[in-house]
Structure formats: structure tokens, C-alpha cells
């Protein structure tokens, strides 16, 4: 796995730390473990999968769904990051 440059430099986790491990846990089918490692990953994957379909078929509320998924995944990532800073 790739190492985090921010963690190597500062010794502290960045907001994206744990994403690789969470992705591999998701591929292995361990959904709950993936969520605990990086809660924003699953909505982000939905965002990445939904966006091309919206661009192709122009769903009525597609832009609102994309905006919601973006805000939701970013919020989960930042909450997870703040929780890591507080507990460590």
C-alpha cells in the first residue's frame, strides 16, 4: 500500500488516511469494517458511479443527488478526521 506523505511528515493522520484499507475491506466484503476505517468511502463510490449515468441520461434530480452525495461523503470524512484528532 502507498504511504501517506502527510502522516510521514507530521506524524498525524490526514483526512484521507484509511481510505486504501477501507477500499480493500470493501472489496473483501467486509462492509462494516470498511465503514469504520473510512465512513465517507461508500457514499463517494456511489457518487463516482452515479455521475457518469447522470451525464449520459440527465436524470431530473441528478445534480441534487450528486451534490448531496458530495456533501455527505465530505462531511463523513471530516467528522471521522475530527474524531481521530480528538481520540488520539
Protein backbone atom coordinates (compact mmCIF):
# COMPACT_ATOMS: atom_id res chain seq x y z
CA UNK A 1 0.00 0.00 0.00
CA UNK A 2 1.03 3.58 -0.54
CA UNK A 3 2.20 5.56 2.45
CA UNK A 4 0.67 8.88 3.42
CA UNK A 5 3.09 11.76 2.88
CA UNK A 6 1.33 13.92 5.46
CA UNK A 7 1.46 11.19 8.10
CA UNK A 8 5.13 10.52 7.32
CA UNK A 9 5.96 14.22 7.56
CA UNK A 10 3.84 15.32 10.53
CA UNK A 11 3.09 12.06 12.33
CA UNK A 12 -0.66 12.81 12.25
CA UNK A 13 -3.36 11.23 10.11
CA UNK A 14 -4.74 13.23 7.20
CA UNK A 15 -8.49 13.22 6.37
CA UNK A 16 -7.94 10.52 3.75
CA UNK A 17 -5.91 8.14 5.91
CA UNK A 18 -7.53 4.72 5.97
CA UNK A 19 -9.12 5.02 2.53
CA UNK A 20 -6.93 2.35 0.93
CA UNK A 21 -7.53 -0.11 3.74
CA UNK A 22 -11.26 0.68 3.70
CA UNK A 23 -11.42 0.11 -0.07
CA UNK A 24 -9.72 -3.28 0.22
CA UNK A 25 -12.03 -4.26 3.09
CA UNK A 26 -14.98 -3.25 0.91
CA UNK A 27 -13.71 -5.43 -1.94
CA UNK A 28 -13.32 -8.33 0.50
CA UNK A 29 -16.97 -7.86 1.50
CA UNK A 30 -16.33 -6.52 4.99
CA UNK A 31 -18.73 -3.60 4.74
CA UNK A 32 -18.83 -2.68 8.43
CA UNK A 33 -15.05 -2.77 8.82
CA UNK A 34 -14.73 -0.60 5.72
CA UNK A 35 -17.19 1.91 7.15
CA UNK A 36 -15.29 2.15 10.44
CA UNK A 37 -11.97 2.74 8.66
CA UNK A 38 -13.29 5.48 6.35
CA UNK A 39 -17.04 6.25 6.56
CA UNK A 40 -17.02 8.62 3.58
CA UNK A 41 -15.80 5.98 1.12
CA UNK A 42 -19.12 4.25 0.40
CA UNK A 43 -21.07 7.42 -0.49
CA UNK A 44 -18.06 8.59 -2.51
CA UNK A 45 -18.13 5.37 -4.55
CA UNK A 46 -21.86 5.91 -5.17
CA UNK A 47 -21.00 9.45 -6.29
CA UNK A 48 -18.34 8.20 -8.72
CA UNK A 49 -20.71 5.55 -10.12
CA UNK A 50 -23.77 7.81 -10.37
CA UNK A 51 -22.12 10.83 -12.03
CA UNK A 52 -21.46 9.23 -15.46
CA UNK A 53 -25.02 7.89 -15.56
CA UNK A 54 -26.38 11.35 -14.83
CA UNK A 55 -24.17 12.88 -17.53
CA UNK A 56 -25.41 10.31 -20.05
CA UNK A 57 -29.13 10.21 -19.18
CA UNK A 58 -29.64 13.63 -17.47
CA UNK A 59 -31.85 12.48 -14.60
CA UNK A 60 -34.34 15.05 -13.37
CA UNK A 61 -32.82 15.47 -9.89
CA UNK A 62 -29.39 14.09 -10.75
CA UNK A 63 -27.49 17.25 -9.92
CA UNK A 64 -29.13 17.41 -6.49
CA UNK A 65 -28.22 13.78 -5.85
CA UNK A 66 -24.62 14.44 -6.87
CA UNK A 67 -24.44 17.50 -4.60
CA UNK A 68 -25.96 15.55 -1.70
CA UNK A 69 -23.53 12.63 -2.15
CA UNK A 70 -20.58 15.02 -2.31
CA UNK A 71 -21.59 16.92 0.82
CA UNK A 72 -22.47 13.70 2.66
CA UNK A 73 -19.21 11.91 1.86
CA UNK A 74 -17.13 15.01 2.64
CA UNK A 75 -18.97 15.53 5.93
CA UNK A 76 -18.45 11.92 6.98
CA UNK A 77 -14.76 12.18 6.13
CA UNK A 78 -14.32 15.40 8.12
CA UNK A 79 -16.27 14.04 11.11
CA UNK A 80 -14.11 10.92 11.05
CA UNK A 81 -10.98 13.10 10.85
CA UNK A 82 -12.11 15.24 13.79
CA UNK A 83 -12.93 12.11 15.80
CA UNK A 84 -9.44 10.73 15.12
CA UNK A 85 -7.86 14.01 16.24
CA UNK A 86 -9.87 14.07 19.45
CA UNK A 87 -9.36 10.43 20.42
CA UNK A 88 -5.67 10.08 19.57
